[in-house]
């Protein structure tokens, strides 16, 4: 059986982050999320830390503003 994986848009609330804030993005497309977050952070001149994590049983990315 084939399953079609559909990409869904996600909102990355980077613009509203203060230093020390973080959020989790459930995903398997780590590189895509990382790339998009880096582009947004560059516009705001923010430094981010981005790591692959498992949160409550879901694979994804945690993004911190540092």
C-alpha atoms as a PDB file:
ATOM      1  CA  UNK A   1       0.000   0.000   0.000  1.00  0.00           C
ATOM      2  CA  UNK A   2       1.276   3.488  -0.880  1.00  0.00           C
ATOM      3  CA  UNK A   3       0.981   6.442   1.423  1.00  0.00           C
ATOM      4  CA  UNK A   4       1.291   9.918   0.018  1.00  0.00           C
ATOM      5  CA  UNK A   5       3.159  12.221   2.360  1.00  0.00           C
ATOM      6  CA  UNK A   6       1.758  15.715   2.093  1.00  0.00           C
ATOM      7  CA  UNK A   7       3.835  18.670   3.167  1.00  0.00           C
ATOM      8  CA  UNK A   8       1.901  21.030   5.345  1.00  0.00           C
ATOM      9  CA  UNK A   9       2.873  24.621   6.002  1.00  0.00           C
ATOM     10  CA  UNK A  10       4.056  25.299   9.517  1.00  0.00           C
ATOM     11  CA  UNK A  11       4.308  28.544  11.401  1.00  0.00           C
ATOM     12  CA  UNK A  12       7.623  29.278  13.052  1.00  0.00           C
ATOM     13  CA  UNK A  13       7.082  31.971  15.724  1.00  0.00           C
ATOM     14  CA  UNK A  14      10.703  33.142  15.609  1.00  0.00           C
ATOM     15  CA  UNK A  15       9.866  36.850  15.278  1.00  0.00           C
ATOM     16  CA  UNK A  16       8.119  36.882  18.668  1.00  0.00           C
ATOM     17  CA  UNK A  17      10.838  35.004  20.573  1.00  0.00           C
ATOM     18  CA  UNK A  18      12.849  36.446  23.458  1.00  0.00           C
ATOM     19  CA  UNK A  19      16.291  35.117  24.364  1.00  0.00           C
ATOM     20  CA  UNK A  20      15.922  31.756  26.102  1.00  0.00           C
ATOM     21  CA  UNK A  21      12.539  30.936  24.500  1.00  0.00           C
ATOM     22  CA  UNK A  22      12.078  27.680  22.614  1.00  0.00           C
ATOM     23  CA  UNK A  23       9.414  25.785  20.728  1.00  0.00           C
ATOM     24  CA  UNK A  24       8.965  22.307  19.292  1.00  0.00           C
ATOM     25  CA  UNK A  25       8.066  21.505  15.677  1.00  0.00           C
ATOM     26  CA  UNK A  26       6.903  17.915  15.122  1.00  0.00           C
ATOM     27  CA  UNK A  27       8.416  16.833  11.797  1.00  0.00           C
ATOM     28  CA  UNK A  28      10.596  14.358   9.977  1.00  0.00           C
ATOM     29  CA  UNK A  29      11.925  16.961   7.538  1.00  0.00           C
ATOM     30  CA  UNK A  30      14.658  18.176   9.892  1.00  0.00           C
ATOM     31  CA  UNK A  31      16.803  19.825   7.209  1.00  0.00           C
ATOM     32  CA  UNK A  32      13.891  21.741   5.693  1.00  0.00           C
ATOM     33  CA  UNK A  33      12.745  23.115   9.044  1.00  0.00           C
ATOM     34  CA  UNK A  34      16.312  23.989  10.018  1.00  0.00           C
ATOM     35  CA  UNK A  35      16.896  25.814   6.729  1.00  0.00           C
ATOM     36  CA  UNK A  36      13.645  27.781   6.977  1.00  0.00           C
ATOM     37  CA  UNK A  37      14.271  28.737  10.624  1.00  0.00           C
ATOM     38  CA  UNK A  38      17.782  29.924   9.772  1.00  0.00           C
ATOM     39  CA  UNK A  39      16.457  32.161   6.985  1.00  0.00           C
ATOM     40  CA  UNK A  40      13.873  33.736   9.271  1.00  0.00           C
ATOM     41  CA  UNK A  41      16.416  34.204  12.081  1.00  0.00           C
ATOM     42  CA  UNK A  42      18.820  35.898   9.680  1.00  0.00           C
ATOM     43  CA  UNK A  43      16.162  38.514   8.822  1.00  0.00           C
ATOM     44  CA  UNK A  44      15.776  39.346  12.523  1.00  0.00           C
ATOM     45  CA  UNK A  45      19.507  38.957  13.322  1.00  0.00           C
ATOM     46  CA  UNK A  46      18.698  36.287  15.915  1.00  0.00           C
ATOM     47  CA  UNK A  47      20.998  33.437  16.931  1.00  0.00           C
ATOM     48  CA  UNK A  48      19.253  30.070  17.146  1.00  0.00           C
ATOM     49  CA  UNK A  49      20.113  26.634  18.446  1.00  0.00           C
ATOM     50  CA  UNK A  50      18.295  23.913  16.505  1.00  0.00           C
ATOM     51  CA  UNK A  51      18.341  20.245  17.503  1.00  0.00           C
ATOM     52  CA  UNK A  52      16.555  17.039  16.556  1.00  0.00           C
ATOM     53  CA  UNK A  53      14.572  15.784  19.534  1.00  0.00           C
ATOM     54  CA  UNK A  54      11.845  13.372  20.560  1.00  0.00           C
ATOM     55  CA  UNK A  55       9.163  15.163  22.573  1.00  0.00           C
ATOM     56  CA  UNK A  56       6.251  13.200  24.072  1.00  0.00           C
ATOM     57  CA  UNK A  57       6.918  10.408  21.590  1.00  0.00           C
ATOM     58  CA  UNK A  58       7.021  12.674  18.506  1.00  0.00           C
ATOM     59  CA  UNK A  59      10.097  13.221  16.358  1.00  0.00           C
ATOM     60  CA  UNK A  60      10.841  16.808  15.575  1.00  0.00           C
ATOM     61  CA  UNK A  61      12.974  19.878  16.036  1.00  0.00           C
ATOM     62  CA  UNK A  62      13.387  22.112  19.074  1.00  0.00           C
ATOM     63  CA  UNK A  63      14.433  25.666  18.321  1.00  0.00           C
ATOM     64  CA  UNK A  64      15.894  27.970  20.975  1.00  0.00           C
ATOM     65  CA  UNK A  65      16.714  31.634  20.633  1.00  0.00           C
ATOM     66  CA  UNK A  66      20.138  32.211  22.204  1.00  0.00           C
END
